[in-house]
PDB file of N, CA and C in Angstrom:
ATOM      1  N   MET A   1      22.846 -19.487  -0.402  1.00  0.00           N
ATOM      2  CA  MET A   1      22.386 -19.726  -1.762  1.00  0.00           C
ATOM      3  C   MET A   1      20.859 -19.651  -1.807  1.00  0.00           C
ATOM      4  N   LYS A   2      20.350 -18.919  -2.772  1.00  0.00           N
ATOM      5  CA  LYS A   2      18.904 -18.755  -2.889  1.00  0.00           C
ATOM      6  C   LYS A   2      18.264 -20.003  -3.476  1.00  0.00           C
ATOM      7  N   THR A   3      17.039 -20.239  -3.040  1.00  0.00           N
ATOM      8  CA  THR A   3      16.246 -21.343  -3.567  1.00  0.00           C
ATOM      9  C   THR A   3      15.232 -20.784  -4.567  1.00  0.00           C
ATOM     10  N   PRO A   4      14.607 -21.659  -5.351  1.00  0.00           N
ATOM     11  CA  PRO A   4      13.543 -21.175  -6.248  1.00  0.00           C
ATOM     12  C   PRO A   4      12.439 -20.448  -5.481  1.00  0.00           C
ATOM     13  N   ASP A   5      12.093 -20.945  -4.305  1.00  0.00           N
ATOM     14  CA  ASP A   5      11.034 -20.283  -3.530  1.00  0.00           C
ATOM     15  C   ASP A   5      11.473 -18.913  -3.033  1.00  0.00           C
ATOM     16  N   ASP A   6      12.756 -18.752  -2.682  1.00  0.00           N
ATOM     17  CA  ASP A   6      13.263 -17.431  -2.291  1.00  0.00           C
ATOM     18  C   ASP A   6      13.096 -16.444  -3.448  1.00  0.00           C
ATOM     19  N   ILE A   7      13.432 -16.889  -4.632  1.00  0.00           N
ATOM     20  CA  ILE A   7      13.333 -16.018  -5.809  1.00  0.00           C
ATOM     21  C   ILE A   7      11.874 -15.714  -6.124  1.00  0.00           C
ATOM     22  N   LEU A   8      11.001 -16.699  -5.954  1.00  0.00           N
ATOM     23  CA  LEU A   8       9.579 -16.459  -6.201  1.00  0.00           C
ATOM     24  C   LEU A   8       9.027 -15.414  -5.232  1.00  0.00           C
ATOM     25  N   VAL A   9       9.473 -15.453  -3.982  1.00  0.00           N
ATOM     26  CA  VAL A   9       9.048 -14.431  -3.014  1.00  0.00           C
ATOM     27  C   VAL A   9       9.499 -13.052  -3.500  1.00  0.00           C
ATOM     28  N   GLU A  10      10.732 -12.957  -3.970  1.00  0.00           N
ATOM     29  CA  GLU A  10      11.226 -11.688  -4.500  1.00  0.00           C
ATOM     30  C   GLU A  10      10.413 -11.251  -5.716  1.00  0.00           C
ATOM     31  N   CYS A  11       9.995 -12.208  -6.517  1.00  0.00           N
ATOM     32  CA  CYS A  11       9.190 -11.893  -7.712  1.00  0.00           C
ATOM     33  C   CYS A  11       7.817 -11.351  -7.331  1.00  0.00           C
ATOM     34  N   SER A  12       7.340 -11.674  -6.146  1.00  0.00           N
ATOM     35  CA  SER A  12       5.995 -11.290  -5.720  1.00  0.00           C
ATOM     36  C   SER A  12       5.923  -9.900  -5.096  1.00  0.00           C
ATOM     37  N   VAL A  13       7.074  -9.242  -4.949  1.00  0.00           N
ATOM     38  CA  VAL A  13       7.106  -7.895  -4.381  1.00  0.00           C
ATOM     39  C   VAL A  13       6.255  -6.967  -5.234  1.00  0.00           C
ATOM     40  N   LYS A  14       5.555  -6.063  -4.582  1.00  0.00           N
ATOM     41  CA  LYS A  14       4.719  -5.068  -5.268  1.00  0.00           C
ATOM     42  C   LYS A  14       3.658  -5.715  -6.145  1.00  0.00           C
ATOM     43  N   ARG A  15       3.123  -6.844  -5.654  1.00  0.00           N
ATOM     44  CA  ARG A  15       2.001  -7.535  -6.309  1.00  0.00           C
ATOM     45  C   ARG A  15       2.360  -8.089  -7.691  1.00  0.00           C
ATOM     46  N   ARG A  16       3.657  -8.297  -7.934  1.00  0.00           N
ATOM     47  CA  ARG A  16       4.075  -8.883  -9.208  1.00  0.00           C
ATOM     48  C   ARG A  16       3.678 -10.358  -9.248  1.00  0.00           C
ATOM     49  N   VAL A  17       3.338 -10.819 -10.429  1.00  0.00           N
ATOM     50  CA  VAL A  17       2.908 -12.205 -10.634  1.00  0.00           C
ATOM     51  C   VAL A  17       3.958 -12.970 -11.432  1.00  0.00           C
ATOM     52  N   CYS A  18       4.305 -12.434 -12.583  1.00  0.00           N
ATOM     53  CA  CYS A  18       5.237 -13.085 -13.496  1.00  0.00           C
ATOM     54  C   CYS A  18       5.716 -12.035 -14.487  1.00  0.00           C
ATOM     55  N   PRO A  19       6.771 -12.334 -15.198  1.00  0.00           N
ATOM     56  CA  PRO A  19       7.180 -11.392 -16.247  1.00  0.00           C
ATOM     57  C   PRO A  19       6.111 -11.266 -17.333  1.00  0.00           C
ATOM     58  N   GLN A  20       6.097 -10.120 -17.983  1.00  0.00           N
ATOM     59  CA  GLN A  20       5.219  -9.935 -19.134  1.00  0.00           C
ATOM     60  C   GLN A  20       5.602 -10.975 -20.195  1.00  0.00           C
ATOM     61  N   PRO A  21       4.691 -11.311 -21.103  1.00  0.00           N
ATOM     62  CA  PRO A  21       4.932 -12.409 -22.041  1.00  0.00           C
ATOM     63  C   PRO A  21       6.281 -12.404 -22.758  1.00  0.00           C
ATOM     64  N   GLN A  22       6.683 -11.292 -23.322  1.00  0.00           N
ATOM     65  CA  GLN A  22       7.938 -11.279 -24.079  1.00  0.00           C
ATOM     66  C   GLN A  22       9.130 -11.589 -23.162  1.00  0.00           C
ATOM     67  N   GLN A  23       9.118 -11.027 -21.967  1.00  0.00           N
ATOM     68  CA  GLN A  23      10.212 -11.272 -21.023  1.00  0.00           C
ATOM     69  C   GLN A  23      10.153 -12.699 -20.482  1.00  0.00           C
ATOM     70  N   TRP A  24       8.945 -13.195 -20.253  1.00  0.00           N
ATOM     71  CA  TRP A  24       8.804 -14.556 -19.747  1.00  0.00           C
ATOM     72  C   TRP A  24       9.329 -15.562 -20.769  1.00  0.00           C
ATOM     73  N   ASN A  25       9.072 -15.313 -22.027  1.00  0.00           N
ATOM     74  CA  ASN A  25       9.600 -16.197 -23.057  1.00  0.00           C
ATOM     75  C   ASN A  25      11.130 -16.186 -23.050  1.00  0.00           C
ATOM     76  N   LYS A  26      11.732 -15.012 -22.867  1.00  0.00           N
ATOM     77  CA  LYS A  26      13.195 -14.930 -22.777  1.00  0.00           C
ATOM     78  C   LYS A  26      13.700 -15.742 -21.586  1.00  0.00           C
ATOM     79  N   LEU A  27      12.993 -15.651 -20.452  1.00  0.00           N
ATOM     80  CA  LEU A  27      13.371 -16.435 -19.274  1.00  0.00           C
ATOM     81  C   LEU A  27      13.307 -17.925 -19.599  1.00  0.00           C
ATOM     82  N   TRP A  28      12.226 -18.353 -20.237  1.00  0.00           N
ATOM     83  CA  TRP A  28      12.059 -19.772 -20.582  1.00  0.00           C
ATOM     84  C   TRP A  28      13.192 -20.245 -21.489  1.00  0.00           C
ATOM     85  N   GLU A  29      13.612 -19.378 -22.399  1.00  0.00           N
ATOM     86  CA  GLU A  29      14.705 -19.749 -23.305  1.00  0.00           C
ATOM     87  C   GLU A  29      16.041 -19.902 -22.578  1.00  0.00           C
ATOM     88  N   LEU A  30      16.170 -19.323 -21.389  1.00  0.00           N
ATOM     89  CA  LEU A  30      17.375 -19.497 -20.581  1.00  0.00           C
ATOM     90  C   LEU A  30      17.430 -20.874 -19.909  1.00  0.00           C
ATOM     91  N   LEU A  31      16.290 -21.546 -19.830  1.00  0.00           N
ATOM     92  CA  LEU A  31      16.240 -22.838 -19.141  1.00  0.00           C
ATOM     93  C   LEU A  31      16.957 -23.905 -19.965  1.00  0.00           C
ATOM     94  N   PRO A  32      17.936 -24.556 -19.376  1.00  0.00           N
ATOM     95  CA  PRO A  32      18.665 -25.584 -20.129  1.00  0.00           C
ATOM     96  C   PRO A  32      17.859 -26.877 -20.260  1.00  0.00           C
ATOM     97  N   ASP A  33      18.233 -27.675 -21.225  1.00  0.00           N
ATOM     98  CA  ASP A  33      17.673 -29.021 -21.408  1.00  0.00           C
ATOM     99  C   ASP A  33      16.184 -29.030 -21.718  1.00  0.00           C
ATOM    100  N   ARG A  34      15.687 -27.938 -22.338  1.00  0.00           N
ATOM    101  CA  ARG A  34      14.274 -27.937 -22.749  1.00  0.00           C
ATOM    102  C   ARG A  34      14.108 -28.983 -23.843  1.00  0.00           C
ATOM    103  N   ARG A  35      12.965 -29.633 -23.848  1.00  0.00           N
ATOM    104  CA  ARG A  35      12.746 -30.653 -24.874  1.00  0.00           C
ATOM    105  C   ARG A  35      11.258 -30.843 -25.126  1.00  0.00           C
ATOM    106  N   ARG A  36      10.958 -31.237 -26.363  1.00  0.00           N
ATOM    107  CA  ARG A  36       9.582 -31.584 -26.719  1.00  0.00           C
ATOM    108  C   ARG A  36       9.235 -32.873 -25.995  1.00  0.00           C
ATOM    109  N   GLN A  37       8.021 -32.926 -25.506  1.00  0.00           N
ATOM    110  CA  GLN A  37       7.540 -34.137 -24.866  1.00  0.00           C
ATOM    111  C   GLN A  37       6.093 -34.331 -25.304  1.00  0.00           C
ATOM    112  N   GLY A  38       5.886 -35.293 -26.186  1.00  0.00           N
ATOM    113  CA  GLY A  38       4.553 -35.470 -26.751  1.00  0.00           C
ATOM    114  C   GLY A  38       4.184 -34.226 -27.537  1.00  0.00           C
ATOM    115  N   GLU A  39       3.029 -33.660 -27.209  1.00  0.00           N
ATOM    116  CA  GLU A  39       2.591 -32.446 -27.893  1.00  0.00           C
ATOM    117  C   GLU A  39       2.978 -31.195 -27.129  1.00  0.00           C
ATOM    118  N   GLY A  40       3.678 -31.352 -26.008  1.00  0.00           N
ATOM    119  CA  GLY A  40       4.057 -30.201 -25.202  1.00  0.00           C
ATOM    120  C   GLY A  40       5.556 -30.081 -25.050  1.00  0.00           C
ATOM    121  N   TRP A  41       5.946 -29.393 -24.006  1.00  0.00           N
ATOM    122  CA  TRP A  41       7.354 -29.147 -23.715  1.00  0.00           C
ATOM    123  C   TRP A  41       7.644 -29.474 -22.267  1.00  0.00           C
ATOM    124  N   GLU A  42       8.878 -29.836 -22.026  1.00  0.00           N
ATOM    125  CA  GLU A  42       9.371 -30.045 -20.675  1.00  0.00           C
ATOM    126  C   GLU A  42      10.574 -29.147 -20.511  1.00  0.00           C
ATOM    127  N   PRO A  43      10.592 -28.161 -19.652  1.00  0.00           N
ATOM    128  CA  PRO A  43       9.472 -27.751 -18.802  1.00  0.00           C
ATOM    129  C   PRO A  43       8.354 -27.132 -19.651  1.00  0.00           C
ATOM    130  N   PRO A  44       7.171 -27.027 -19.075  1.00  0.00           N
ATOM    131  CA  PRO A  44       6.058 -26.478 -19.851  1.00  0.00           C
ATOM    132  C   PRO A  44       6.331 -25.036 -20.284  1.00  0.00           C
ATOM    133  N   LEU A  45       5.732 -24.675 -21.378  1.00  0.00           N
ATOM    134  CA  LEU A  45       5.871 -23.313 -21.905  1.00  0.00           C
ATOM    135  C   LEU A  45       5.329 -22.289 -20.922  1.00  0.00           C
ATOM    136  N   PRO A  46       5.821 -21.051 -21.004  1.00  0.00           N
ATOM    137  CA  PRO A  46       5.214 -19.991 -20.191  1.00  0.00           C
ATOM    138  C   PRO A  46       3.765 -19.794 -20.633  1.00  0.00           C
ATOM    139  N   LEU A  47       2.972 -19.292 -19.725  1.00  0.00           N
ATOM    140  CA  LEU A  47       1.551 -19.085 -20.026  1.00  0.00           C
ATOM    141  C   LEU A  47       1.380 -17.751 -20.756  1.00  0.00           C
ATOM    142  N   ILE A  48       1.759 -17.770 -22.032  1.00  0.00           N
ATOM    143  CA  ILE A  48       1.688 -16.572 -22.859  1.00  0.00           C
ATOM    144  C   ILE A  48       0.809 -16.868 -24.074  1.00  0.00           C
ATOM    145  N   LEU A  49       0.720 -15.945 -24.980  1.00  0.00           N
ATOM    146  CA  LEU A  49      -0.126 -16.062 -26.170  1.00  0.00           C
ATOM    147  C   LEU A  49      -1.570 -16.321 -25.743  1.00  0.00           C
ATOM    148  N   ALA A  50      -2.245 -17.299 -26.299  1.00  0.00           N
ATOM    149  CA  ALA A  50      -3.648 -17.543 -25.970  1.00  0.00           C
ATOM    150  C   ALA A  50      -3.829 -17.894 -24.498  1.00  0.00           C
ATOM    151  N   ALA A  51      -2.859 -18.589 -23.910  1.00  0.00           N
ATOM    152  CA  ALA A  51      -2.970 -18.990 -22.501  1.00  0.00           C
ATOM    153  C   ALA A  51      -2.966 -17.794 -21.554  1.00  0.00           C
ATOM    154  N   TRP A  52      -2.389 -16.696 -21.971  1.00  0.00           N
ATOM    155  CA  TRP A  52      -2.271 -15.514 -21.116  1.00  0.00           C
ATOM    156  C   TRP A  52      -3.641 -15.056 -20.623  1.00  0.00           C
ATOM    157  N   HIS A  53      -4.609 -15.025 -21.505  1.00  0.00           N
ATOM    158  CA  HIS A  53      -5.929 -14.488 -21.165  1.00  0.00           C
ATOM    159  C   HIS A  53      -6.846 -15.523 -20.522  1.00  0.00           C
ATOM    160  N   HIS A  54      -6.435 -16.776 -20.517  1.00  0.00           N
ATOM    161  CA  HIS A  54      -7.298 -17.833 -19.998  1.00  0.00           C
ATOM    162  C   HIS A  54      -6.751 -18.481 -18.729  1.00  0.00           C
ATOM    163  N   THR A  55      -5.735 -17.863 -18.132  1.00  0.00           N
ATOM    164  CA  THR A  55      -5.173 -18.403 -16.897  1.00  0.00           C
ATOM    165  C   THR A  55      -5.188 -17.331 -15.817  1.00  0.00           C
ATOM    166  N   SER A  56      -5.328 -17.793 -14.592  1.00  0.00           N
ATOM    167  CA  SER A  56      -5.383 -16.883 -13.446  1.00  0.00           C
ATOM    168  C   SER A  56      -3.973 -16.453 -13.043  1.00  0.00           C
ATOM    169  N   ASP A  57      -3.916 -15.437 -12.210  1.00  0.00           N
ATOM    170  CA  ASP A  57      -2.623 -15.018 -11.677  1.00  0.00           C
ATOM    171  C   ASP A  57      -1.981 -16.150 -10.878  1.00  0.00           C
ATOM    172  N   ALA A  58      -2.781 -16.911 -10.153  1.00  0.00           N
ATOM    173  CA  ALA A  58      -2.242 -18.043  -9.376  1.00  0.00           C
ATOM    174  C   ALA A  58      -1.619 -19.087 -10.299  1.00  0.00           C
ATOM    175  N   GLU A  59      -2.262 -19.364 -11.425  1.00  0.00           N
ATOM    176  CA  GLU A  59      -1.705 -20.325 -12.386  1.00  0.00           C
ATOM    177  C   GLU A  59      -0.411 -19.797 -13.001  1.00  0.00           C
ATOM    178  N   LYS A  60      -0.378 -18.507 -13.297  1.00  0.00           N
ATOM    179  CA  LYS A  60       0.844 -17.914 -13.847  1.00  0.00           C
ATOM    180  C   LYS A  60       1.975 -17.996 -12.825  1.00  0.00           C
ATOM    181  N   ARG A  61       1.676 -17.676 -11.577  1.00  0.00           N
ATOM    182  CA  ARG A  61       2.699 -17.716 -10.531  1.00  0.00           C
ATOM    183  C   ARG A  61       3.212 -19.144 -10.338  1.00  0.00           C
ATOM    184  N   GLU A  62       2.314 -20.114 -10.390  1.00  0.00           N
ATOM    185  CA  GLU A  62       2.727 -21.516 -10.238  1.00  0.00           C
ATOM    186  C   GLU A  62       3.610 -21.959 -11.404  1.00  0.00           C
ATOM    187  N   ARG A  63       3.302 -21.532 -12.607  1.00  0.00           N
ATOM    188  CA  ARG A  63       4.129 -21.892 -13.761  1.00  0.00           C
ATOM    189  C   ARG A  63       5.516 -21.270 -13.624  1.00  0.00           C
ATOM    190  N   LEU A  64       5.575 -20.032 -13.137  1.00  0.00           N
ATOM    191  CA  LEU A  64       6.877 -19.417 -12.900  1.00  0.00           C
ATOM    192  C   LEU A  64       7.658 -20.227 -11.869  1.00  0.00           C
ATOM    193  N   ARG A  65       6.978 -20.718 -10.840  1.00  0.00           N
ATOM    194  CA  ARG A  65       7.629 -21.570  -9.833  1.00  0.00           C
ATOM    195  C   ARG A  65       8.211 -22.828 -10.492  1.00  0.00           C
ATOM    196  N   VAL A  66       7.462 -23.436 -11.405  1.00  0.00           N
ATOM    197  CA  VAL A  66       7.945 -24.612 -12.139  1.00  0.00           C
ATOM    198  C   VAL A  66       9.226 -24.265 -12.896  1.00  0.00           C
ATOM    199  N   HIS A  67       9.239 -23.104 -13.531  1.00  0.00           N
ATOM    200  CA  HIS A  67      10.422 -22.695 -14.290  1.00  0.00           C
ATOM    201  C   HIS A  67      11.618 -22.461 -13.373  1.00  0.00           C
ATOM    202  N   LEU A  68      11.385 -21.860 -12.215  1.00  0.00           N
ATOM    203  CA  LEU A  68      12.479 -21.621 -11.277  1.00  0.00           C
ATOM    204  C   LEU A  68      13.028 -22.936 -10.732  1.00  0.00           C
ATOM    205  N   ARG A  69      12.144 -23.869 -10.445  1.00  0.00           N
ATOM    206  CA  ARG A  69      12.609 -25.179  -9.960  1.00  0.00           C
ATOM    207  C   ARG A  69      13.383 -25.920 -11.042  1.00  0.00           C
ATOM    208  N   TRP A  70      12.943 -25.808 -12.285  1.00  0.00           N
ATOM    209  CA  TRP A  70      13.670 -26.427 -13.398  1.00  0.00           C
ATOM    210  C   TRP A  70      15.076 -25.816 -13.490  1.00  0.00           C
ATOM    211  N   ALA A  71      15.134 -24.495 -13.407  1.00  0.00           N
ATOM    212  CA  ALA A  71      16.435 -23.818 -13.466  1.00  0.00           C
ATOM    213  C   ALA A  71      17.351 -24.331 -12.357  1.00  0.00           C
ATOM    214  N   ALA A  72      16.826 -24.479 -11.162  1.00  0.00           N
ATOM    215  CA  ALA A  72      17.635 -24.967 -10.038  1.00  0.00           C
ATOM    216  C   ALA A  72      18.113 -26.391 -10.288  1.00  0.00           C
ATOM    217  N   ALA A  73      17.230 -27.235 -10.763  1.00  0.00           N
ATOM    218  CA  ALA A  73      17.571 -28.642 -10.988  1.00  0.00           C
ATOM    219  C   ALA A  73      18.566 -28.832 -12.122  1.00  0.00           C
ATOM    220  N   HIS A  74      18.679 -27.826 -12.998  1.00  0.00           N
ATOM    221  CA  HIS A  74      19.548 -27.939 -14.170  1.00  0.00           C
ATOM    222  C   HIS A  74      20.707 -26.945 -14.141  1.00  0.00           C
ATOM    223  N   GLY A  75      21.013 -26.442 -12.957  1.00  0.00           N
ATOM    224  CA  GLY A  75      22.196 -25.607 -12.781  1.00  0.00           C
ATOM    225  C   GLY A  75      22.137 -24.214 -13.369  1.00  0.00           C
ATOM    226  N   ALA A  76      20.936 -23.684 -13.558  1.00  0.00           N
ATOM    227  CA  ALA A  76      20.812 -22.367 -14.183  1.00  0.00           C
ATOM    228  C   ALA A  76      20.099 -21.343 -13.307  1.00  0.00           C
ATOM    229  N   LEU A  77      19.943 -21.645 -12.019  1.00  0.00           N
ATOM    230  CA  LEU A  77      19.175 -20.736 -11.168  1.00  0.00           C
ATOM    231  C   LEU A  77      19.834 -19.361 -11.063  1.00  0.00           C
ATOM    232  N   ASP A  78      21.149 -19.300 -10.947  1.00  0.00           N
ATOM    233  CA  ASP A  78      21.817 -18.000 -10.858  1.00  0.00           C
ATOM    234  C   ASP A  78      21.597 -17.175 -12.121  1.00  0.00           C
ATOM    235  N   LYS A  79      21.707 -17.808 -13.282  1.00  0.00           N
ATOM    236  CA  LYS A  79      21.502 -17.098 -14.549  1.00  0.00           C
ATOM    237  C   LYS A  79      20.066 -16.572 -14.638  1.00  0.00           C
ATOM    238  N   VAL A  80      19.100 -17.392 -14.262  1.00  0.00           N
ATOM    239  CA  VAL A  80      17.694 -16.981 -14.307  1.00  0.00           C
ATOM    240  C   VAL A  80      17.428 -15.881 -13.276  1.00  0.00           C
ATOM    241  N   ALA A  81      17.998 -16.025 -12.085  1.00  0.00           N
ATOM    242  CA  ALA A  81      17.819 -15.009 -11.044  1.00  0.00           C
ATOM    243  C   ALA A  81      18.398 -13.663 -11.502  1.00  0.00           C
ATOM    244  N   ASN A  82      19.544 -13.695 -12.157  1.00  0.00           N
ATOM    245  CA  ASN A  82      20.137 -12.454 -12.669  1.00  0.00           C
ATOM    246  C   ASN A  82      19.244 -11.816 -13.726  1.00  0.00           C
ATOM    247  N   PHE A  83      18.667 -12.647 -14.589  1.00  0.00           N
ATOM    248  CA  PHE A  83      17.745 -12.126 -15.597  1.00  0.00           C
ATOM    249  C   PHE A  83      16.546 -11.472 -14.916  1.00  0.00           C
ATOM    250  N   ILE A  84      15.964 -12.154 -13.937  1.00  0.00           N
ATOM    251  CA  ILE A  84      14.789 -11.631 -13.231  1.00  0.00           C
ATOM    252  C   ILE A  84      15.122 -10.301 -12.555  1.00  0.00           C
ATOM    253  N   SER A  85      16.294 -10.222 -11.929  1.00  0.00           N
ATOM    254  CA  SER A  85      16.647  -8.981 -11.234  1.00  0.00           C
ATOM    255  C   SER A  85      16.906  -7.831 -12.204  1.00  0.00           C
ATOM    256  N   SER A  86      17.146  -8.140 -13.478  1.00  0.00           N
ATOM    257  CA  SER A  86      17.378  -7.087 -14.475  1.00  0.00           C
ATOM    258  C   SER A  86      16.073  -6.516 -15.039  1.00  0.00           C
ATOM    259  N   LEU A  87      14.953  -7.151 -14.738  1.00  0.00           N
ATOM    260  CA  LEU A  87      13.681  -6.693 -15.300  1.00  0.00           C
ATOM    261  C   LEU A  87      13.253  -5.367 -14.688  1.00  0.00           C
ATOM    262  N   LYS A  88      12.674  -4.525 -15.511  1.00  0.00           N
ATOM    263  CA  LYS A  88      12.162  -3.225 -15.076  1.00  0.00           C
ATOM    264  C   LYS A  88      10.730  -3.396 -14.570  1.00  0.00           C
ATOM    265  N   PRO A  89      10.216  -2.438 -13.814  1.00  0.00           N
ATOM    266  CA  PRO A  89       8.835  -2.555 -13.317  1.00  0.00           C
ATOM    267  C   PRO A  89       7.817  -2.827 -14.420  1.00  0.00           C
ATOM    268  N   GLU A  90       7.999  -2.211 -15.580  1.00  0.00           N
ATOM    269  CA  GLU A  90       7.025  -2.403 -16.670  1.00  0.00           C
ATOM    270  C   GLU A  90       7.145  -3.776 -17.333  1.00  0.00           C
ATOM    271  N   ASP A  91       8.185  -4.523 -16.993  1.00  0.00           N
ATOM    272  CA  ASP A  91       8.363  -5.869 -17.531  1.00  0.00           C
ATOM    273  C   ASP A  91       7.569  -6.919 -16.753  1.00  0.00           C
ATOM    274  N   TRP A  92       6.851  -6.488 -15.723  1.00  0.00           N
ATOM    275  CA  TRP A  92       6.124  -7.412 -14.857  1.00  0.00           C
ATOM    276  C   TRP A  92       4.624  -7.294 -15.025  1.00  0.00           C
ATOM    277  N   HIS A  93       3.956  -8.437 -14.991  1.00  0.00           N
ATOM    278  CA  HIS A  93       2.500  -8.483 -14.874  1.00  0.00           C
ATOM    279  C   HIS A  93       2.204  -8.440 -13.381  1.00  0.00           C
ATOM    280  N   THR A  94       1.275  -7.588 -12.981  1.00  0.00           N
ATOM    281  CA  THR A  94       0.929  -7.492 -11.562  1.00  0.00           C
ATOM    282  C   THR A  94      -0.497  -7.981 -11.334  1.00  0.00           C
ATOM    283  N   GLU A  95      -0.788  -8.284 -10.062  1.00  0.00           N
ATOM    284  CA  GLU A  95      -2.131  -8.764  -9.709  1.00  0.00           C
ATOM    285  C   GLU A  95      -3.174  -7.773 -10.159  1.00  0.00           C
ATOM    286  N   ARG A  96      -4.289  -8.323 -10.593  1.00  0.00           N
ATOM    287  CA  ARG A  96      -5.389  -7.475 -11.070  1.00  0.00           C
ATOM    288  C   ARG A  96      -6.201  -6.957  -9.921  1.00  0.00           C
TER     289      ARG A  96
END
């Protein structure tokens, strides 16, 4: 059985960092038990929209790790992994 870190390693192939914003939002929507918490969300939102241009690749990769761990903890890792494996090369943000 794959772990979130195994999937993150697969996500890093060919200098990939995270899905492009539209795809990343779809991934986030697959996460079960999302909920508002104060002024934010649990798990935190993907680093898209204004955050996209103000965060580093390392921060984006770490946020993706948070999402993968959330998926694992909430029984959705296989569904998220299948979504990730369906992404095309152009659906990925790569290291600058």
